[in-house]
Amino acid sequence: MIVIESDLTRRMMEYDVLKEALERLGFVLGGNWEYTRGSFDRRLEGERQTAWLRIPFEAVRGEIDP
């Protein structure tokens, strides 16, 4: 895995707003989510290989309701 620094680090927003925005960009809720954390994943296909872009998140208040 390659970690990429981002302006998204340590940003907070409502889960529903985040989920809707990322789904419009082709992300899906990863299958490894728990009630307090998870990740949104998007498949990136190139000519010869496939890679995944993963955006991890953590609940700071309450639980995630996918």
Protein backbone atom coordinates (compact mmCIF):
# COMPACT_ATOMS: atom_id res chain seq x y z
CA MET A 1 0.00 0.00 0.00
CA ILE A 2 1.17 3.50 -0.81
CA VAL A 3 0.05 6.23 1.62
CA ILE A 4 -0.66 9.56 -0.04
CA GLU A 5 -0.72 12.77 2.00
CA SER A 6 -3.95 14.69 1.55
CA ASP A 7 -5.84 17.79 2.65
CA LEU A 8 -8.60 15.39 3.75
CA THR A 9 -6.56 14.26 6.76
CA ARG A 10 -8.24 15.24 10.04
CA ARG A 11 -11.24 16.87 8.33
CA MET A 12 -14.66 16.29 9.85
CA MET A 13 -18.05 16.14 8.14
CA GLU A 14 -21.38 14.40 8.48
CA TYR A 15 -21.25 10.78 7.32
CA ASP A 16 -24.27 11.10 5.01
CA VAL A 17 -22.77 14.13 3.24
CA LEU A 18 -19.42 12.36 2.80
CA LYS A 19 -21.03 9.14 1.56
CA GLU A 20 -23.21 10.94 -1.00
CA ALA A 21 -20.30 13.02 -2.35
CA LEU A 22 -17.95 10.04 -2.66
CA GLU A 23 -20.59 7.79 -4.25
CA ARG A 24 -21.10 10.42 -6.97
CA LEU A 25 -17.35 10.06 -7.68
CA GLY A 26 -17.59 6.25 -7.98
CA PHE A 27 -16.53 5.26 -4.46
CA VAL A 28 -18.23 2.47 -2.53
CA LEU A 29 -18.25 1.69 1.17
CA GLY A 30 -15.56 -0.96 1.63
CA GLY A 31 -16.62 -4.34 2.97
CA ASN A 32 -14.38 -4.02 6.01
CA TRP A 33 -16.40 -1.29 7.77
CA GLU A 34 -17.26 -1.42 11.45
CA TYR A 35 -19.66 0.76 13.44
CA THR A 36 -16.94 3.30 14.26
CA ARG A 37 -14.66 3.21 11.21
CA GLY A 38 -14.33 2.06 7.63
CA SER A 39 -13.17 3.15 4.21
CA PHE A 40 -14.50 4.24 0.86
CA ASP A 41 -12.87 2.47 -2.09
CA ARG A 42 -12.69 3.17 -5.81
CA ARG A 43 -11.26 0.94 -8.49
CA LEU A 44 -8.81 2.64 -10.86
CA GLU A 45 -8.11 0.75 -14.07
CA GLY A 46 -5.11 1.33 -16.28
CA GLU A 47 -4.07 -0.30 -19.52
CA ARG A 48 -2.15 -3.09 -17.81
CA GLN A 49 -3.12 -3.02 -14.15
CA THR A 50 -5.82 -2.22 -11.64
CA ALA A 51 -5.31 -0.23 -8.45
CA TRP A 52 -7.64 0.80 -5.62
CA LEU A 53 -7.91 4.22 -4.07
CA ARG A 54 -8.95 3.91 -0.40
CA ILE A 55 -10.14 6.76 1.82
CA PRO A 56 -10.29 5.61 5.45
CA PHE A 57 -12.57 7.33 7.95
CA GLU A 58 -13.41 7.15 11.64
CA ALA A 59 -16.55 8.20 13.52
CA VAL A 60 -15.86 10.82 16.16
CA ARG A 61 -19.42 10.81 17.46
CA GLY A 62 -22.05 8.08 17.17
CA GLU A 63 -21.97 5.06 14.87
CA ILE A 64 -21.95 4.52 11.10
CA ASP A 65 -25.25 3.45 9.54
CA PRO A 66 -24.44 2.30 5.99
